[in-house]
Each structure stands twice: as C-alpha cells, then as structure tokens.
Amino acid sequence: MKFLRKYTAIPAVKYSVIAIASLLWLVGFADQLPDVTQTAKYVGISLLMVAVAAMA
C-alpha cells in the first residue's frame, strides 16, 4: 500500500491513472449503449463501486 500511495502522490501519475480509468469506463459504457437494461446495470454497478470506495 505504501508503494501505491507514494506514486499516486505524484500529480502526473495520479491524473494519468484517473484518465486511463475514465477512458476504460467510457469504452465499457459505449459497449453497453445498444441495450437500455445493460446500460442501466453498468451505471448502477459503477455508482455502487464509487459509493463503496468513498466509504473506505
């Protein structure tokens, strides 16, 4: 955990990780768009993961 905190304290690394994660989320979201049910599930699960991460 020290390793992760050490390197994510560097702004360039931190924002690069955020950008890559956002891009991957958008690619997954775009893949779900043709089906409304799948899109709702994807967004719902993503929101749940954000809520759990915010509590930790």
C-alpha atoms as a PDB file:
ATOM      1  CA  MET A   1       0.000   0.000   0.000  1.00  0.00           C
ATOM      2  CA  LYS A   2       2.931   2.339   0.646  1.00  0.00           C
ATOM      3  CA  PHE A   3       4.070   1.842  -2.931  1.00  0.00           C
ATOM      4  CA  LEU A   4       0.668   2.857  -4.292  1.00  0.00           C
ATOM      5  CA  ARG A   5       0.352   5.914  -2.061  1.00  0.00           C
ATOM      6  CA  LYS A   6       3.909   7.000  -2.832  1.00  0.00           C
ATOM      7  CA  TYR A   7       3.419   7.029  -6.590  1.00  0.00           C
ATOM      8  CA  THR A   8      -0.154   8.310  -6.688  1.00  0.00           C
ATOM      9  CA  ALA A   9       1.001  11.336  -4.697  1.00  0.00           C
ATOM     10  CA  ILE A  10       2.815  12.451  -7.853  1.00  0.00           C
ATOM     11  CA  PRO A  11       0.296  14.576  -9.807  1.00  0.00           C
ATOM     12  CA  ALA A  12       1.362  13.294 -13.239  1.00  0.00           C
ATOM     13  CA  VAL A  13       0.869   9.672 -12.174  1.00  0.00           C
ATOM     14  CA  LYS A  14      -2.341  10.385 -10.286  1.00  0.00           C
ATOM     15  CA  TYR A  15      -4.016  12.169 -13.167  1.00  0.00           C
ATOM     16  CA  SER A  16      -2.750   9.641 -15.710  1.00  0.00           C
ATOM     17  CA  VAL A  17      -4.336   6.817 -13.706  1.00  0.00           C
ATOM     18  CA  ILE A  18      -7.587   8.790 -13.475  1.00  0.00           C
ATOM     19  CA  ALA A  19      -7.554   9.456 -17.231  1.00  0.00           C
ATOM     20  CA  ILE A  20      -6.910   5.798 -18.101  1.00  0.00           C
ATOM     21  CA  ALA A  21      -9.625   4.581 -15.713  1.00  0.00           C
ATOM     22  CA  SER A  22     -12.081   7.117 -17.162  1.00  0.00           C
ATOM     23  CA  LEU A  23     -11.269   6.066 -20.703  1.00  0.00           C
ATOM     24  CA  LEU A  24     -11.792   2.400 -19.846  1.00  0.00           C
ATOM     25  CA  TRP A  25     -15.109   3.218 -18.168  1.00  0.00           C
ATOM     26  CA  LEU A  26     -16.257   5.161 -21.240  1.00  0.00           C
ATOM     27  CA  VAL A  27     -15.308   2.308 -23.561  1.00  0.00           C
ATOM     28  CA  GLY A  28     -17.303  -0.106 -21.395  1.00  0.00           C
ATOM     29  CA  PHE A  29     -20.213   2.342 -21.253  1.00  0.00           C
ATOM     30  CA  ALA A  30     -20.217   2.747 -25.045  1.00  0.00           C
ATOM     31  CA  ASP A  31     -20.300  -1.033 -25.380  1.00  0.00           C
ATOM     32  CA  GLN A  32     -23.474  -1.171 -23.248  1.00  0.00           C
ATOM     33  CA  LEU A  33     -25.389   1.608 -25.046  1.00  0.00           C
ATOM     34  CA  PRO A  34     -27.354  -0.518 -27.535  1.00  0.00           C
ATOM     35  CA  ASP A  35     -29.270  -2.203 -24.681  1.00  0.00           C
ATOM     36  CA  VAL A  36     -31.008   0.100 -22.187  1.00  0.00           C
ATOM     37  CA  THR A  37     -31.124  -2.567 -19.470  1.00  0.00           C
ATOM     38  CA  GLN A  38     -27.428  -3.308 -19.747  1.00  0.00           C
ATOM     39  CA  THR A  39     -26.653   0.425 -19.707  1.00  0.00           C
ATOM     40  CA  ALA A  40     -28.669   0.909 -16.510  1.00  0.00           C
ATOM     41  CA  LYS A  41     -26.930  -2.049 -14.863  1.00  0.00           C
ATOM     42  CA  TYR A  42     -23.497  -0.739 -15.877  1.00  0.00           C
ATOM     43  CA  VAL A  43     -24.190   2.715 -14.489  1.00  0.00           C
ATOM     44  CA  GLY A  44     -25.762   1.286 -11.331  1.00  0.00           C
ATOM     45  CA  ILE A  45     -22.842  -1.014 -10.606  1.00  0.00           C
ATOM     46  CA  SER A  46     -20.423   1.837 -11.295  1.00  0.00           C
ATOM     47  CA  LEU A  47     -22.251   4.080  -8.827  1.00  0.00           C
ATOM     48  CA  LEU A  48     -22.207   1.323  -6.208  1.00  0.00           C
ATOM     49  CA  MET A  49     -18.450   0.905  -6.653  1.00  0.00           C
ATOM     50  CA  VAL A  50     -17.953   4.663  -6.226  1.00  0.00           C
ATOM     51  CA  ALA A  51     -20.080   4.627  -3.063  1.00  0.00           C
ATOM     52  CA  VAL A  52     -18.076   1.747  -1.578  1.00  0.00           C
ATOM     53  CA  ALA A  53     -14.792   3.436  -2.473  1.00  0.00           C
ATOM     54  CA  ALA A  54     -15.963   6.675  -0.868  1.00  0.00           C
ATOM     55  CA  MET A  55     -16.759   4.854   2.386  1.00  0.00           C
ATOM     56  CA  ALA A  56     -13.309   3.274   2.582  1.00  0.00           C
END
